Amino acid sequence: MFGTKDRVALLETLIALAHADGDFSQDERDRIEGLIDFFNLKPWAEEQVRSVLENPPQELPTSETIPAYHTRMYVYTQAVMMAFEDGVIDDGERDLLEELGVSLDLSDEDINKAWFRAEELAEKP
């Protein structure tokens, strides 16, 4: 189970990625809002996440801030899926995802799996 800090890190990462192409679309906003509701965050955590909706954090999570490898992999996979949200992955999003993979200390094999999975889900109606 993911703790509150992991959920906040995930949401802040998704917010950063949603802004990476310079367009925070309504679909991206709706997805993040849905996750905020789904996670039923503690008040302090929800406030922290909502405070960065329009101004995303500049720092990405690391293997130190998210120690569990499976949690880091989940954050990365969700970030790739967010990049697919508007149907176009631009250079800013690709660059941020590359930086995130390094920051989270993920294997190349797992990064490729995350991309494959996200592409697979994006193609489904």
N, C-alpha and C. Protein backbone atom coordinates (compact mmCIF):
# COMPACT_ATOMS: atom_id res chain seq x y z
N MET A 1 0.84 -1.18 0.00
CA MET A 1 0.00 0.00 0.00
C MET A 1 0.89 1.24 0.00
N PHE A 2 0.46 2.23 -0.73
CA PHE A 2 1.23 3.47 -0.81
C PHE A 2 0.85 4.39 0.33
N GLY A 3 1.85 5.00 0.93
CA GLY A 3 1.61 5.94 2.00
C GLY A 3 1.23 7.31 1.46
N THR A 4 0.84 8.19 2.34
CA THR A 4 0.44 9.54 1.94
C THR A 4 1.55 10.26 1.21
N LYS A 5 2.78 10.15 1.69
CA LYS A 5 3.89 10.84 1.03
C LYS A 5 4.11 10.31 -0.38
N ASP A 6 3.93 9.00 -0.57
CA ASP A 6 4.05 8.41 -1.91
C ASP A 6 2.96 8.94 -2.83
N ARG A 7 1.75 9.07 -2.32
CA ARG A 7 0.63 9.58 -3.11
C ARG A 7 0.86 11.03 -3.50
N VAL A 8 1.36 11.82 -2.58
CA VAL A 8 1.67 13.21 -2.88
C VAL A 8 2.76 13.29 -3.94
N ALA A 9 3.79 12.47 -3.80
CA ALA A 9 4.86 12.46 -4.80
C ALA A 9 4.32 12.07 -6.17
N LEU A 10 3.45 11.08 -6.22
CA LEU A 10 2.84 10.67 -7.48
C LEU A 10 2.06 11.83 -8.09
N LEU A 11 1.18 12.45 -7.31
CA LEU A 11 0.35 13.52 -7.84
C LEU A 11 1.19 14.73 -8.28
N GLU A 12 2.20 15.07 -7.51
CA GLU A 12 3.07 16.19 -7.90
C GLU A 12 3.83 15.87 -9.18
N THR A 13 4.23 14.62 -9.35
CA THR A 13 4.91 14.21 -10.58
C THR A 13 3.96 14.30 -11.76
N LEU A 14 2.73 13.85 -11.59
CA LEU A 14 1.75 13.92 -12.67
C LEU A 14 1.44 15.37 -13.03
N ILE A 15 1.39 16.24 -12.04
CA ILE A 15 1.16 17.66 -12.30
C ILE A 15 2.32 18.24 -13.11
N ALA A 16 3.55 17.91 -12.71
CA ALA A 16 4.71 18.40 -13.45
C ALA A 16 4.67 17.92 -14.90
N LEU A 17 4.32 16.67 -15.09
CA LEU A 17 4.26 16.12 -16.44
C LEU A 17 3.14 16.75 -17.25
N ALA A 18 2.00 16.98 -16.61
CA ALA A 18 0.88 17.60 -17.31
C ALA A 18 1.23 19.00 -17.81
N HIS A 19 2.12 19.68 -17.12
CA HIS A 19 2.55 21.03 -17.51
C HIS A 19 3.75 21.01 -18.46
N ALA A 20 4.40 19.87 -18.63
CA ALA A 20 5.66 19.80 -19.38
C ALA A 20 5.53 20.23 -20.83
N ASP A 21 4.35 20.07 -21.42
CA ASP A 21 4.17 20.47 -22.82
C ASP A 21 3.65 21.90 -22.96
N GLY A 22 3.52 22.60 -21.81
CA GLY A 22 3.07 23.98 -21.84
C GLY A 22 1.56 24.12 -21.89
N ASP A 23 0.83 23.01 -21.85
CA ASP A 23 -0.63 23.05 -21.92
C ASP A 23 -1.21 22.09 -20.89
N PHE A 24 -1.76 22.64 -19.82
CA PHE A 24 -2.40 21.84 -18.78
C PHE A 24 -3.85 21.65 -19.21
N SER A 25 -4.12 20.57 -19.95
CA SER A 25 -5.43 20.37 -20.55
C SER A 25 -6.49 19.99 -19.51
N GLN A 26 -7.74 20.16 -19.90
CA GLN A 26 -8.84 19.81 -19.02
C GLN A 26 -8.84 18.31 -18.73
N ASP A 27 -8.50 17.48 -19.72
CA ASP A 27 -8.42 16.03 -19.49
C ASP A 27 -7.36 15.70 -18.44
N GLU A 28 -6.21 16.37 -18.52
CA GLU A 28 -5.15 16.15 -17.54
C GLU A 28 -5.61 16.61 -16.15
N ARG A 29 -6.24 17.77 -16.10
CA ARG A 29 -6.74 18.29 -14.82
C ARG A 29 -7.78 17.34 -14.23
N ASP A 30 -8.69 16.85 -15.08
CA ASP A 30 -9.73 15.93 -14.60
C ASP A 30 -9.12 14.64 -14.05
N ARG A 31 -8.09 14.14 -14.72
CA ARG A 31 -7.44 12.91 -14.24
C ARG A 31 -6.80 13.13 -12.87
N ILE A 32 -6.12 14.25 -12.72
CA ILE A 32 -5.48 14.56 -11.43
C ILE A 32 -6.53 14.78 -10.35
N GLU A 33 -7.58 15.54 -10.66
CA GLU A 33 -8.65 15.77 -9.69
C GLU A 33 -9.29 14.44 -9.27
N GLY A 34 -9.49 13.54 -10.23
CA GLY A 34 -10.05 12.23 -9.92
C GLY A 34 -9.17 11.43 -8.98
N LEU A 35 -7.85 11.52 -9.20
CA LEU A 35 -6.92 10.81 -8.32
C LEU A 35 -6.89 11.42 -6.92
N ILE A 36 -6.98 12.74 -6.85
CA ILE A 36 -7.03 13.40 -5.54
C ILE A 36 -8.24 12.88 -4.76
N ASP A 37 -9.39 12.83 -5.43
CA ASP A 37 -10.60 12.32 -4.77
C ASP A 37 -10.45 10.84 -4.41
N PHE A 38 -9.93 10.05 -5.34
CA PHE A 38 -9.80 8.60 -5.13
C PHE A 38 -8.88 8.29 -3.95
N PHE A 39 -7.78 9.03 -3.85
CA PHE A 39 -6.81 8.77 -2.78
C PHE A 39 -7.32 9.21 -1.41
N ASN A 40 -8.36 10.05 -1.37
CA ASN A 40 -8.90 10.50 -0.10
C ASN A 40 -7.76 10.98 0.82
N LEU A 41 -7.00 11.93 0.31
CA LEU A 41 -5.83 12.42 1.02
C LEU A 41 -6.16 13.09 2.34
N LYS A 42 -5.21 13.06 3.24
CA LYS A 42 -5.34 13.83 4.47
C LYS A 42 -5.38 15.30 4.09
N PRO A 43 -6.03 16.13 4.90
CA PRO A 43 -6.19 17.55 4.54
C PRO A 43 -4.87 18.25 4.19
N TRP A 44 -3.81 18.02 4.97
CA TRP A 44 -2.54 18.68 4.68
C TRP A 44 -1.99 18.25 3.32
N ALA A 45 -2.19 16.98 2.96
CA ALA A 45 -1.67 16.46 1.70
C ALA A 45 -2.47 17.01 0.52
N GLU A 46 -3.79 17.04 0.67
CA GLU A 46 -4.62 17.59 -0.41
C GLU A 46 -4.29 19.07 -0.63
N GLU A 47 -4.10 19.80 0.44
CA GLU A 47 -3.74 21.21 0.33
C GLU A 47 -2.40 21.37 -0.39
N GLN A 48 -1.44 20.54 -0.05
CA GLN A 48 -0.12 20.60 -0.70
C GLN A 48 -0.24 20.34 -2.19
N VAL A 49 -1.00 19.31 -2.57
CA VAL A 49 -1.16 18.95 -3.98
C VAL A 49 -1.90 20.07 -4.72
N ARG A 50 -2.98 20.55 -4.16
CA ARG A 50 -3.75 21.60 -4.83
C ARG A 50 -2.95 22.89 -4.98
N SER A 51 -2.01 23.12 -4.07
CA SER A 51 -1.20 24.34 -4.13
C SER A 51 -0.24 24.34 -5.32
N VAL A 52 0.03 23.18 -5.90
CA VAL A 52 0.96 23.11 -7.04
C VAL A 52 0.25 22.81 -8.36
N LEU A 53 -1.08 22.77 -8.35
CA LEU A 53 -1.81 22.47 -9.59
C LEU A 53 -1.44 23.42 -10.73
N GLU A 54 -1.32 24.69 -10.44
CA GLU A 54 -1.01 25.66 -11.49
C GLU A 54 0.48 25.96 -11.62
N ASN A 55 1.24 25.66 -10.58
CA ASN A 55 2.69 25.90 -10.58
C ASN A 55 3.38 24.63 -10.11
N PRO A 56 3.68 23.74 -11.04
CA PRO A 56 4.22 22.43 -10.66
C PRO A 56 5.57 22.52 -9.96
N PRO A 57 5.83 21.54 -9.11
CA PRO A 57 7.12 21.51 -8.42
C PRO A 57 8.26 21.32 -9.41
N GLN A 58 9.39 21.88 -9.09
CA GLN A 58 10.56 21.79 -9.98
C GLN A 58 11.40 20.55 -9.71
N GLU A 59 11.25 19.99 -8.52
CA GLU A 59 12.05 18.82 -8.16
C GLU A 59 11.25 17.55 -8.38
N LEU A 60 11.90 16.56 -8.95
CA LEU A 60 11.28 15.26 -9.16
C LEU A 60 11.56 14.35 -7.96
N PRO A 61 10.69 13.37 -7.74
CA PRO A 61 10.99 12.41 -6.67
C PRO A 61 12.24 11.61 -7.02
N THR A 62 12.87 11.08 -6.01
CA THR A 62 14.09 10.29 -6.21
C THR A 62 13.94 8.94 -5.52
N SER A 63 14.95 8.12 -5.69
CA SER A 63 14.95 6.82 -5.01
C SER A 63 15.11 7.01 -3.50
N GLU A 64 15.56 8.17 -3.07
CA GLU A 64 15.66 8.45 -1.64
C GLU A 64 14.30 8.87 -1.07
N THR A 65 13.54 9.65 -1.84
CA THR A 65 12.24 10.10 -1.34
C THR A 65 11.17 9.02 -1.49
N ILE A 66 11.38 8.09 -2.44
CA ILE A 66 10.48 6.94 -2.60
C ILE A 66 11.37 5.70 -2.61
N PRO A 67 11.64 5.14 -1.44
CA PRO A 67 12.59 4.02 -1.35
C PRO A 67 12.13 2.72 -2.04
N ALA A 68 10.86 2.41 -2.01
CA ALA A 68 10.39 1.12 -2.54
C ALA A 68 10.39 1.14 -4.07
N TYR A 69 11.11 0.18 -4.65
CA TYR A 69 11.25 0.14 -6.11
C TYR A 69 9.90 0.01 -6.79
N HIS A 70 9.01 -0.84 -6.29
CA HIS A 70 7.71 -1.02 -6.94
C HIS A 70 6.89 0.26 -6.92
N THR A 71 7.05 1.08 -5.89
CA THR A 71 6.34 2.35 -5.83
C THR A 71 6.93 3.32 -6.84
N ARG A 72 8.26 3.35 -6.95
CA ARG A 72 8.89 4.22 -7.95
C ARG A 72 8.45 3.82 -9.35
N MET A 73 8.34 2.51 -9.59
CA MET A 73 7.91 2.02 -10.90
C MET A 73 6.47 2.44 -11.16
N TYR A 74 5.63 2.38 -10.16
CA TYR A 74 4.23 2.79 -10.31
C TYR A 74 4.16 4.28 -10.65
N VAL A 75 4.92 5.10 -9.95
CA VAL A 75 4.94 6.54 -10.22
C VAL A 75 5.36 6.79 -11.66
N TYR A 76 6.41 6.11 -12.10
CA TYR A 76 6.89 6.30 -13.47
C TYR A 76 5.84 5.87 -14.50
N THR A 77 5.24 4.72 -14.29
CA THR A 77 4.23 4.22 -15.23
C THR A 77 3.06 5.19 -15.32
N GLN A 78 2.60 5.70 -14.19
CA GLN A 78 1.50 6.65 -14.20
C GLN A 78 1.91 7.95 -14.91
N ALA A 79 3.17 8.34 -14.75
CA ALA A 79 3.65 9.55 -15.43
C ALA A 79 3.64 9.35 -16.95
N VAL A 80 4.05 8.18 -17.42
CA VAL A 80 4.01 7.90 -18.85
C VAL A 80 2.56 7.92 -19.34
N MET A 81 1.68 7.34 -18.56
CA MET A 81 0.27 7.35 -18.94
C MET A 81 -0.28 8.78 -19.00
N MET A 82 0.16 9.64 -18.12
CA MET A 82 -0.27 11.04 -18.16
C MET A 82 0.22 11.70 -19.45
N ALA A 83 1.42 11.36 -19.87
CA ALA A 83 1.94 11.93 -21.11
C ALA A 83 1.07 11.56 -22.30
N PHE A 84 0.46 10.39 -22.25
CA PHE A 84 -0.43 9.94 -23.33
C PHE A 84 -1.83 10.54 -23.23
N GLU A 85 -2.13 11.22 -22.14
CA GLU A 85 -3.49 11.70 -21.87
C GLU A 85 -4.06 12.57 -23.00
N ASP A 86 -3.24 13.47 -23.55
CA ASP A 86 -3.76 14.35 -24.60
C ASP A 86 -3.50 13.81 -26.01
N GLY A 87 -2.98 12.60 -26.10
CA GLY A 87 -2.79 11.96 -27.39
C GLY A 87 -1.48 12.29 -28.08
N VAL A 88 -0.72 13.24 -27.55
CA VAL A 88 0.55 13.64 -28.18
C VAL A 88 1.61 13.75 -27.09
N ILE A 89 2.74 13.10 -27.32
CA ILE A 89 3.86 13.22 -26.39
C ILE A 89 4.90 14.12 -27.05
N ASP A 90 5.12 15.28 -26.47
CA ASP A 90 6.06 16.21 -27.08
C ASP A 90 7.45 16.07 -26.44
N ASP A 91 8.39 16.83 -26.95
CA ASP A 91 9.78 16.73 -26.48
C ASP A 91 9.92 17.07 -25.00
N GLY A 92 9.16 18.06 -24.53
CA GLY A 92 9.23 18.43 -23.11
C GLY A 92 8.81 17.28 -22.21
N GLU A 93 7.77 16.57 -22.62
CA GLU A 93 7.30 15.43 -21.83
C GLU A 93 8.32 14.28 -21.89
N ARG A 94 8.85 14.03 -23.08
CA ARG A 94 9.87 12.96 -23.22
C ARG A 94 11.09 13.26 -22.35
N ASP A 95 11.53 14.52 -22.40
CA ASP A 95 12.70 14.92 -21.60
C ASP A 95 12.45 14.73 -20.12
N LEU A 96 11.26 15.16 -19.67
CA LEU A 96 10.93 15.03 -18.25
C LEU A 96 10.84 13.56 -17.85
N LEU A 97 10.27 12.72 -18.71
CA LEU A 97 10.18 11.29 -18.40
C LEU A 97 11.55 10.64 -18.35
N GLU A 98 12.44 11.06 -19.24
CA GLU A 98 13.81 10.53 -19.20
C GLU A 98 14.49 10.92 -17.89
N GLU A 99 14.33 12.18 -17.51
CA GLU A 99 14.90 12.67 -16.25
C GLU A 99 14.29 11.93 -15.05
N LEU A 100 12.98 11.68 -15.11
CA LEU A 100 12.30 10.99 -14.03
C LEU A 100 12.81 9.56 -13.88
N GLY A 101 13.01 8.86 -14.99
CA GLY A 101 13.53 7.49 -14.93
C GLY A 101 14.88 7.43 -14.25
N VAL A 102 15.72 8.41 -14.54
CA VAL A 102 17.04 8.48 -13.91
C VAL A 102 16.90 8.84 -12.43
N SER A 103 16.07 9.84 -12.15
CA SER A 103 15.87 10.29 -10.78
C SER A 103 15.35 9.17 -9.88
N LEU A 104 14.47 8.33 -10.45
CA LEU A 104 13.90 7.22 -9.67
C LEU A 104 14.78 5.97 -9.68
N ASP A 105 15.89 6.04 -10.41
CA ASP A 105 16.85 4.93 -10.47
C ASP A 105 16.17 3.63 -10.95
N LEU A 106 15.46 3.75 -12.09
CA LEU A 106 14.77 2.59 -12.66
C LEU A 106 15.63 1.94 -13.73
N SER A 107 15.47 0.65 -13.89
CA SER A 107 16.22 -0.06 -14.93
C SER A 107 15.65 0.29 -16.30
N ASP A 108 16.50 0.22 -17.33
CA ASP A 108 16.05 0.47 -18.70
C ASP A 108 14.94 -0.50 -19.08
N GLU A 109 15.06 -1.73 -18.65
CA GLU A 109 14.04 -2.73 -18.96
C GLU A 109 12.68 -2.33 -18.37
N ASP A 110 12.66 -1.87 -17.14
CA ASP A 110 11.41 -1.47 -16.51
C ASP A 110 10.84 -0.20 -17.15
N ILE A 111 11.72 0.71 -17.54
CA ILE A 111 11.27 1.92 -18.23
C ILE A 111 10.59 1.53 -19.54
N ASN A 112 11.19 0.62 -20.28
CA ASN A 112 10.60 0.16 -21.54
C ASN A 112 9.26 -0.53 -21.30
N LYS A 113 9.16 -1.30 -20.25
CA LYS A 113 7.89 -1.96 -19.91
C LYS A 113 6.80 -0.92 -19.62
N ALA A 114 7.16 0.13 -18.92
CA ALA A 114 6.20 1.18 -18.59
C ALA A 114 5.69 1.86 -19.87
N TRP A 115 6.58 2.13 -20.79
CA TRP A 115 6.18 2.74 -22.07
C TRP A 115 5.28 1.79 -22.85
N PHE A 116 5.64 0.53 -22.90
CA PHE A 116 4.83 -0.45 -23.63
C PHE A 116 3.44 -0.53 -23.03
N ARG A 117 3.35 -0.60 -21.73
CA ARG A 117 2.06 -0.70 -21.04
C ARG A 117 1.21 0.55 -21.29
N ALA A 118 1.81 1.72 -21.19
CA ALA A 118 1.08 2.95 -21.41
C ALA A 118 0.59 3.06 -22.85
N GLU A 119 1.42 2.69 -23.80
CA GLU A 119 1.01 2.71 -25.21
C GLU A 119 -0.15 1.75 -25.44
N GLU A 120 -0.06 0.60 -24.81
CA GLU A 120 -1.11 -0.40 -24.93
C GLU A 120 -2.45 0.14 -24.41
N LEU A 121 -2.41 0.78 -23.25
CA LEU A 121 -3.63 1.33 -22.65
C LEU A 121 -4.16 2.52 -23.44
N ALA A 122 -3.26 3.32 -24.01
CA ALA A 122 -3.68 4.49 -24.77
C ALA A 122 -4.40 4.10 -26.06
N GLU A 123 -4.09 2.95 -26.59
CA GLU A 123 -4.71 2.49 -27.82
C GLU A 123 -6.09 1.91 -27.61
N LYS A 124 -6.42 1.54 -26.39
CA LYS A 124 -7.74 0.94 -26.11
C LYS A 124 -8.80 2.04 -26.11
N PRO A 125 -9.97 1.73 -26.70
CA PRO A 125 -11.05 2.74 -26.75
C PRO A 125 -11.66 3.00 -25.39
